[in-house]
Amino acid sequence: EEVKLPFVFPWFSSSLTSVVVSSNGQINMDGSRDNGCCSVIPITPRYGGDRIALAQEDLNPGSGGSIFYLDRGDSVVISFENVPFYYDGGEVNAQVELFSSGRIELRWGSGNTAGDKIAAGVQSDAESLYAP
């Protein structure tokens, strides 16, 4: 789903006015509608695309939990709350906050223990930062 930002977000060498949120814990920063299934560790330019992997794995929001957005004026919070893993039970509780300054904060709550591997990090075609 496309989320319009209330500000212009600086992203590496570009400026964004919207992002696309995947049901599988990925935020696409390049307009792609790729659902991000399933985790790709490490996040590397080999896989292409500009994205934030918040809790990238095969998630199943259709069977429970919520994905929602909160506009805070100078930031936007994208939350995955109690979103179940597709196969392995358990659920994801995580947030990413995008600030108008370009700062990105990734946060994880309780749970997040099932699944195979969760990819988390920031990737541009130019650079990649990840947490294995």
N, C-alpha and C. Protein backbone atom coordinates (compact mmCIF):
# COMPACT_ATOMS: atom_id res chain seq x y z
N GLU A 1 0.84 -1.18 0.00
CA GLU A 1 0.00 0.00 0.00
C GLU A 1 0.88 1.24 0.00
N GLU A 2 0.51 2.21 -0.82
CA GLU A 2 1.28 3.46 -0.88
C GLU A 2 0.88 4.37 0.28
N VAL A 3 1.90 4.93 0.92
CA VAL A 3 1.69 5.86 2.02
C VAL A 3 2.28 7.21 1.61
N LYS A 4 1.43 8.22 1.54
CA LYS A 4 1.87 9.58 1.22
C LYS A 4 2.54 10.17 2.45
N LEU A 5 3.70 10.78 2.27
CA LEU A 5 4.41 11.41 3.37
C LEU A 5 4.01 12.87 3.48
N PRO A 6 3.91 13.42 4.70
CA PRO A 6 3.52 14.82 4.86
C PRO A 6 4.69 15.79 4.68
N PHE A 7 5.81 15.25 4.20
CA PHE A 7 7.03 16.05 3.99
C PHE A 7 7.83 15.37 2.89
N VAL A 8 8.85 16.03 2.41
CA VAL A 8 9.76 15.42 1.44
C VAL A 8 10.85 14.72 2.25
N PHE A 9 10.97 13.41 2.04
CA PHE A 9 11.93 12.61 2.79
C PHE A 9 13.21 12.43 2.00
N PRO A 10 14.35 12.87 2.55
CA PRO A 10 15.63 12.68 1.86
C PRO A 10 16.06 11.22 1.91
N TRP A 11 16.30 10.63 0.75
CA TRP A 11 16.69 9.23 0.66
C TRP A 11 17.89 9.13 -0.26
N PHE A 12 19.08 8.95 0.32
CA PHE A 12 20.33 8.89 -0.42
C PHE A 12 20.39 10.06 -1.40
N SER A 13 20.36 9.82 -2.70
CA SER A 13 20.48 10.92 -3.65
C SER A 13 19.13 11.37 -4.21
N SER A 14 18.03 10.95 -3.60
CA SER A 14 16.71 11.37 -4.09
C SER A 14 15.87 11.93 -2.95
N SER A 15 14.69 12.41 -3.31
CA SER A 15 13.73 12.95 -2.35
C SER A 15 12.39 12.28 -2.60
N LEU A 16 11.76 11.77 -1.52
CA LEU A 16 10.54 11.00 -1.67
C LEU A 16 9.34 11.71 -1.06
N THR A 17 8.18 11.53 -1.69
CA THR A 17 6.93 12.05 -1.15
C THR A 17 5.98 10.92 -0.76
N SER A 18 6.37 9.67 -1.05
CA SER A 18 5.57 8.51 -0.65
C SER A 18 6.48 7.29 -0.58
N VAL A 19 6.00 6.26 0.13
CA VAL A 19 6.66 4.96 0.22
C VAL A 19 5.59 3.89 0.00
N VAL A 20 6.02 2.67 -0.29
CA VAL A 20 5.09 1.56 -0.47
C VAL A 20 5.37 0.53 0.63
N VAL A 21 4.35 0.21 1.41
CA VAL A 21 4.48 -0.73 2.53
C VAL A 21 4.03 -2.11 2.08
N SER A 22 4.93 -3.08 2.22
CA SER A 22 4.65 -4.46 1.87
C SER A 22 4.03 -5.19 3.06
N SER A 23 3.19 -6.16 2.79
CA SER A 23 2.60 -6.97 3.85
C SER A 23 3.63 -7.86 4.52
N ASN A 24 4.82 -7.97 3.94
CA ASN A 24 5.87 -8.85 4.47
C ASN A 24 6.98 -8.10 5.20
N GLY A 25 6.66 -6.95 5.79
CA GLY A 25 7.63 -6.27 6.64
C GLY A 25 8.68 -5.46 5.92
N GLN A 26 8.41 -5.05 4.71
CA GLN A 26 9.36 -4.27 3.92
C GLN A 26 8.71 -2.96 3.49
N ILE A 27 9.49 -1.87 3.51
CA ILE A 27 9.02 -0.58 3.02
C ILE A 27 9.85 -0.27 1.78
N ASN A 28 9.18 -0.19 0.64
CA ASN A 28 9.86 0.08 -0.63
C ASN A 28 10.00 1.58 -0.82
N MET A 29 11.22 2.01 -1.07
CA MET A 29 11.51 3.43 -1.19
C MET A 29 11.65 3.86 -2.65
N ASP A 30 11.46 2.92 -3.58
CA ASP A 30 11.64 3.23 -5.00
C ASP A 30 10.35 3.07 -5.80
N GLY A 31 9.20 3.01 -5.11
CA GLY A 31 7.92 2.89 -5.79
C GLY A 31 7.55 1.47 -6.15
N SER A 32 8.46 0.52 -5.92
CA SER A 32 8.20 -0.87 -6.25
C SER A 32 7.05 -1.43 -5.41
N ARG A 33 6.28 -2.32 -6.00
CA ARG A 33 5.19 -2.99 -5.29
C ARG A 33 5.62 -4.42 -4.90
N ASP A 34 6.92 -4.71 -5.00
CA ASP A 34 7.45 -6.02 -4.61
C ASP A 34 7.07 -6.29 -3.16
N ASN A 35 6.52 -7.48 -2.87
CA ASN A 35 6.07 -7.75 -1.51
C ASN A 35 7.19 -8.14 -0.56
N GLY A 36 8.39 -8.36 -1.06
CA GLY A 36 9.53 -8.60 -0.19
C GLY A 36 9.56 -9.97 0.45
N CYS A 37 8.83 -10.94 -0.09
CA CYS A 37 8.87 -12.26 0.51
C CYS A 37 10.04 -13.04 -0.07
N CYS A 38 10.74 -13.69 0.62
CA CYS A 38 10.85 -13.72 2.07
C CYS A 38 12.18 -13.12 2.45
N SER A 39 12.68 -13.37 3.63
CA SER A 39 13.86 -12.65 4.08
C SER A 39 15.03 -12.87 3.13
N VAL A 40 15.82 -11.84 2.97
CA VAL A 40 17.03 -11.89 2.16
C VAL A 40 18.15 -11.37 3.06
N ILE A 41 18.96 -12.28 3.57
CA ILE A 41 20.05 -11.90 4.46
C ILE A 41 21.34 -12.36 3.83
N PRO A 42 22.37 -11.52 3.75
CA PRO A 42 22.31 -10.11 4.10
C PRO A 42 21.62 -9.31 3.02
N ILE A 43 21.20 -8.14 3.41
CA ILE A 43 20.62 -7.21 2.45
C ILE A 43 21.80 -6.67 1.64
N THR A 44 21.79 -6.90 0.36
CA THR A 44 22.90 -6.44 -0.47
C THR A 44 22.36 -5.87 -1.76
N PRO A 45 23.15 -5.00 -2.42
CA PRO A 45 22.73 -4.46 -3.72
C PRO A 45 22.49 -5.54 -4.77
N ARG A 46 23.02 -6.74 -4.54
CA ARG A 46 22.80 -7.84 -5.48
C ARG A 46 21.32 -8.05 -5.75
N TYR A 47 20.48 -7.81 -4.72
CA TYR A 47 19.04 -8.02 -4.86
C TYR A 47 18.33 -6.79 -5.40
N GLY A 48 19.02 -5.67 -5.48
CA GLY A 48 18.47 -4.47 -6.09
C GLY A 48 17.36 -3.82 -5.30
N GLY A 49 17.03 -2.61 -5.70
CA GLY A 49 15.94 -1.89 -5.08
C GLY A 49 16.35 -1.09 -3.86
N ASP A 50 15.55 -0.08 -3.58
CA ASP A 50 15.74 0.75 -2.40
C ASP A 50 14.65 0.38 -1.41
N ARG A 51 15.04 -0.02 -0.20
CA ARG A 51 14.05 -0.50 0.75
C ARG A 51 14.54 -0.37 2.19
N ILE A 52 13.58 -0.43 3.07
CA ILE A 52 13.84 -0.60 4.49
C ILE A 52 13.22 -1.94 4.86
N ALA A 53 14.04 -2.86 5.31
CA ALA A 53 13.53 -4.14 5.79
C ALA A 53 13.33 -3.98 7.29
N LEU A 54 12.10 -3.91 7.71
CA LEU A 54 11.78 -3.74 9.12
C LEU A 54 11.76 -5.10 9.83
N ALA A 55 11.00 -6.01 9.30
CA ALA A 55 10.92 -7.38 9.79
C ALA A 55 10.54 -8.23 8.59
N GLN A 56 11.42 -8.24 7.60
CA GLN A 56 11.09 -8.86 6.33
C GLN A 56 11.13 -10.38 6.45
N GLU A 57 9.98 -10.97 6.22
CA GLU A 57 9.80 -12.42 6.27
C GLU A 57 8.44 -12.70 5.65
N ASP A 58 8.07 -13.95 5.57
CA ASP A 58 6.76 -14.32 5.02
C ASP A 58 5.71 -14.12 6.12
N LEU A 59 5.06 -12.95 6.10
CA LEU A 59 4.06 -12.60 7.11
C LEU A 59 2.66 -12.80 6.55
N ASN A 60 1.68 -12.91 7.44
CA ASN A 60 0.30 -13.17 7.02
C ASN A 60 -0.67 -12.22 7.73
N PRO A 61 -0.67 -10.93 7.36
CA PRO A 61 -1.57 -9.99 8.02
C PRO A 61 -3.05 -10.29 7.77
N GLY A 62 -3.35 -11.09 6.76
CA GLY A 62 -4.73 -11.47 6.49
C GLY A 62 -5.34 -12.35 7.57
N SER A 63 -4.49 -12.97 8.39
CA SER A 63 -5.02 -13.85 9.44
C SER A 63 -4.92 -13.21 10.84
N GLY A 64 -4.55 -11.92 10.90
CA GLY A 64 -4.52 -11.25 12.19
C GLY A 64 -3.52 -10.12 12.24
N GLY A 65 -3.58 -9.38 13.33
CA GLY A 65 -2.67 -8.27 13.52
C GLY A 65 -3.07 -7.06 12.71
N SER A 66 -2.25 -6.03 12.77
CA SER A 66 -2.52 -4.77 12.08
C SER A 66 -1.26 -4.17 11.51
N ILE A 67 -1.41 -3.51 10.38
CA ILE A 67 -0.37 -2.67 9.82
C ILE A 67 -0.99 -1.29 9.70
N PHE A 68 -0.40 -0.31 10.36
CA PHE A 68 -1.00 1.02 10.30
C PHE A 68 0.06 2.10 10.27
N TYR A 69 -0.39 3.33 9.99
CA TYR A 69 0.49 4.47 9.78
C TYR A 69 0.01 5.61 10.66
N LEU A 70 0.96 6.33 11.22
CA LEU A 70 0.64 7.48 12.06
C LEU A 70 1.43 8.68 11.56
N ASP A 71 0.73 9.72 11.15
CA ASP A 71 1.34 10.97 10.70
C ASP A 71 1.55 11.85 11.93
N ARG A 72 2.81 12.13 12.26
CA ARG A 72 3.13 12.96 13.42
C ARG A 72 3.61 14.35 12.99
N GLY A 73 3.34 14.73 11.76
CA GLY A 73 3.74 16.04 11.26
C GLY A 73 5.15 16.04 10.71
N ASP A 74 6.14 15.94 11.59
CA ASP A 74 7.54 15.92 11.14
C ASP A 74 8.09 14.49 11.07
N SER A 75 7.21 13.50 11.26
CA SER A 75 7.61 12.10 11.11
C SER A 75 6.38 11.26 10.77
N VAL A 76 6.63 10.07 10.26
CA VAL A 76 5.58 9.09 9.99
C VAL A 76 6.02 7.78 10.63
N VAL A 77 5.12 7.16 11.39
CA VAL A 77 5.39 5.87 12.01
C VAL A 77 4.60 4.80 11.26
N ILE A 78 5.30 3.75 10.83
CA ILE A 78 4.67 2.60 10.19
C ILE A 78 4.82 1.43 11.16
N SER A 79 3.70 0.86 11.59
CA SER A 79 3.70 -0.18 12.62
C SER A 79 3.15 -1.50 12.11
N PHE A 80 3.81 -2.56 12.50
CA PHE A 80 3.33 -3.93 12.31
C PHE A 80 3.07 -4.45 13.72
N GLU A 81 1.80 -4.65 14.08
CA GLU A 81 1.46 -5.08 15.43
C GLU A 81 0.74 -6.42 15.41
N ASN A 82 1.36 -7.38 16.07
CA ASN A 82 0.80 -8.74 16.18
C ASN A 82 0.50 -9.37 14.82
N VAL A 83 1.35 -9.09 13.84
CA VAL A 83 1.17 -9.67 12.50
C VAL A 83 1.80 -11.06 12.51
N PRO A 84 1.00 -12.11 12.26
CA PRO A 84 1.54 -13.48 12.34
C PRO A 84 2.47 -13.83 11.19
N PHE A 85 3.41 -14.72 11.50
CA PHE A 85 4.22 -15.33 10.46
C PHE A 85 3.32 -16.28 9.68
N TYR A 86 3.61 -16.46 8.40
CA TYR A 86 2.75 -17.28 7.57
C TYR A 86 2.79 -18.75 7.96
N TYR A 87 4.00 -19.29 8.21
CA TYR A 87 4.13 -20.72 8.46
C TYR A 87 4.47 -21.09 9.89
N ASP A 88 5.30 -20.35 10.56
CA ASP A 88 5.94 -20.84 11.77
C ASP A 88 5.31 -20.39 13.08
N GLY A 89 4.12 -19.83 13.06
CA GLY A 89 3.53 -19.34 14.30
C GLY A 89 4.27 -18.11 14.79
N GLY A 90 3.84 -17.56 15.90
CA GLY A 90 4.46 -16.35 16.40
C GLY A 90 3.99 -15.14 15.62
N GLU A 91 4.48 -13.98 16.01
CA GLU A 91 4.04 -12.74 15.36
C GLU A 91 5.11 -11.67 15.44
N VAL A 92 4.95 -10.67 14.61
CA VAL A 92 5.87 -9.55 14.52
C VAL A 92 5.25 -8.33 15.18
N ASN A 93 6.07 -7.64 15.96
CA ASN A 93 5.73 -6.34 16.54
C ASN A 93 6.92 -5.43 16.27
N ALA A 94 6.77 -4.53 15.32
CA ALA A 94 7.89 -3.68 14.93
C ALA A 94 7.38 -2.37 14.35
N GLN A 95 8.23 -1.35 14.41
CA GLN A 95 7.91 -0.03 13.85
C GLN A 95 9.11 0.55 13.15
N VAL A 96 8.83 1.34 12.14
CA VAL A 96 9.85 2.20 11.55
C VAL A 96 9.29 3.62 11.60
N GLU A 97 10.14 4.57 11.99
CA GLU A 97 9.74 5.97 11.99
C GLU A 97 10.65 6.73 11.05
N LEU A 98 10.04 7.40 10.09
CA LEU A 98 10.75 8.22 9.11
C LEU A 98 10.59 9.68 9.52
N PHE A 99 11.70 10.37 9.72
CA PHE A 99 11.68 11.77 10.13
C PHE A 99 11.96 12.67 8.93
N SER A 100 11.40 13.86 8.94
CA SER A 100 11.58 14.81 7.83
C SER A 100 13.06 15.14 7.62
N SER A 101 13.88 14.96 8.64
CA SER A 101 15.32 15.24 8.55
C SER A 101 16.06 14.16 7.76
N GLY A 102 15.41 13.01 7.53
CA GLY A 102 16.05 11.88 6.88
C GLY A 102 16.44 10.77 7.86
N ARG A 103 16.30 11.04 9.14
CA ARG A 103 16.61 10.02 10.14
C ARG A 103 15.59 8.88 10.05
N ILE A 104 16.06 7.67 10.29
CA ILE A 104 15.23 6.47 10.26
C ILE A 104 15.44 5.74 11.58
N GLU A 105 14.36 5.41 12.28
CA GLU A 105 14.46 4.60 13.49
C GLU A 105 13.69 3.31 13.29
N LEU A 106 14.35 2.19 13.56
CA LEU A 106 13.72 0.87 13.53
C LEU A 106 13.53 0.43 14.97
N ARG A 107 12.35 -0.08 15.29
CA ARG A 107 12.05 -0.53 16.66
C ARG A 107 11.36 -1.89 16.62
N TRP A 108 11.71 -2.74 17.58
CA TRP A 108 11.09 -4.05 17.68
C TRP A 108 10.55 -4.24 19.08
N GLY A 109 9.35 -4.81 19.18
CA GLY A 109 8.72 -5.07 20.47
C GLY A 109 8.81 -6.53 20.84
N SER A 110 7.87 -6.98 21.65
CA SER A 110 7.86 -8.37 22.08
C SER A 110 7.47 -9.28 20.91
N GLY A 111 7.80 -10.53 21.05
CA GLY A 111 7.51 -11.49 19.98
C GLY A 111 8.70 -11.56 19.02
N ASN A 112 8.40 -11.61 17.76
CA ASN A 112 9.44 -11.63 16.72
C ASN A 112 10.37 -12.84 16.86
N THR A 113 9.87 -13.93 17.43
CA THR A 113 10.74 -15.06 17.72
C THR A 113 10.56 -16.23 16.77
N ALA A 114 9.47 -16.25 16.02
CA ALA A 114 9.25 -17.37 15.11
C ALA A 114 9.76 -17.00 13.72
N GLY A 115 9.51 -17.84 12.79
CA GLY A 115 9.97 -17.57 11.43
C GLY A 115 11.37 -18.12 11.24
N ASP A 116 11.81 -18.12 10.02
CA ASP A 116 13.13 -18.64 9.69
C ASP A 116 14.18 -17.59 10.03
N LYS A 117 14.20 -16.53 9.25
CA LYS A 117 15.13 -15.43 9.46
C LYS A 117 14.39 -14.15 9.13
N ILE A 118 14.62 -13.13 9.91
CA ILE A 118 14.03 -11.83 9.62
C ILE A 118 15.13 -10.92 9.12
N ALA A 119 14.93 -10.32 7.97
CA ALA A 119 15.88 -9.34 7.47
C ALA A 119 15.51 -7.98 8.03
N ALA A 120 16.52 -7.24 8.48
CA ALA A 120 16.30 -5.90 8.99
C ALA A 120 17.46 -5.03 8.56
N GLY A 121 17.14 -3.88 7.98
CA GLY A 121 18.19 -2.96 7.56
C GLY A 121 17.70 -1.99 6.52
N VAL A 122 18.63 -1.22 5.99
CA VAL A 122 18.34 -0.18 5.01
C VAL A 122 19.19 -0.46 3.79
N GLN A 123 18.56 -0.44 2.62
CA GLN A 123 19.28 -0.72 1.37
C GLN A 123 18.95 0.30 0.32
N SER A 124 19.98 0.77 -0.31
CA SER A 124 19.87 1.57 -1.53
C SER A 124 20.65 0.83 -2.59
N ASP A 125 20.39 1.08 -3.85
CA ASP A 125 21.22 0.47 -4.88
C ASP A 125 22.67 0.86 -4.71
N ALA A 126 22.91 1.98 -4.01
CA ALA A 126 24.26 2.48 -3.81
C ALA A 126 24.93 1.92 -2.55
N GLU A 127 24.15 1.69 -1.48
CA GLU A 127 24.70 1.26 -0.21
C GLU A 127 23.76 0.31 0.50
N SER A 128 24.28 -0.37 1.52
CA SER A 128 23.45 -1.29 2.30
C SER A 128 23.93 -1.32 3.74
N LEU A 129 23.00 -1.22 4.67
CA LEU A 129 23.26 -1.37 6.09
C LEU A 129 22.30 -2.42 6.60
N TYR A 130 22.81 -3.45 7.26
CA TYR A 130 21.89 -4.50 7.69
C TYR A 130 22.30 -5.05 9.06
N ALA A 131 21.33 -5.68 9.70
CA ALA A 131 21.55 -6.36 10.98
C ALA A 131 21.23 -7.83 10.79
N PRO A 132 22.24 -8.69 10.74
CA PRO A 132 21.97 -10.12 10.53
C PRO A 132 21.29 -10.75 11.73
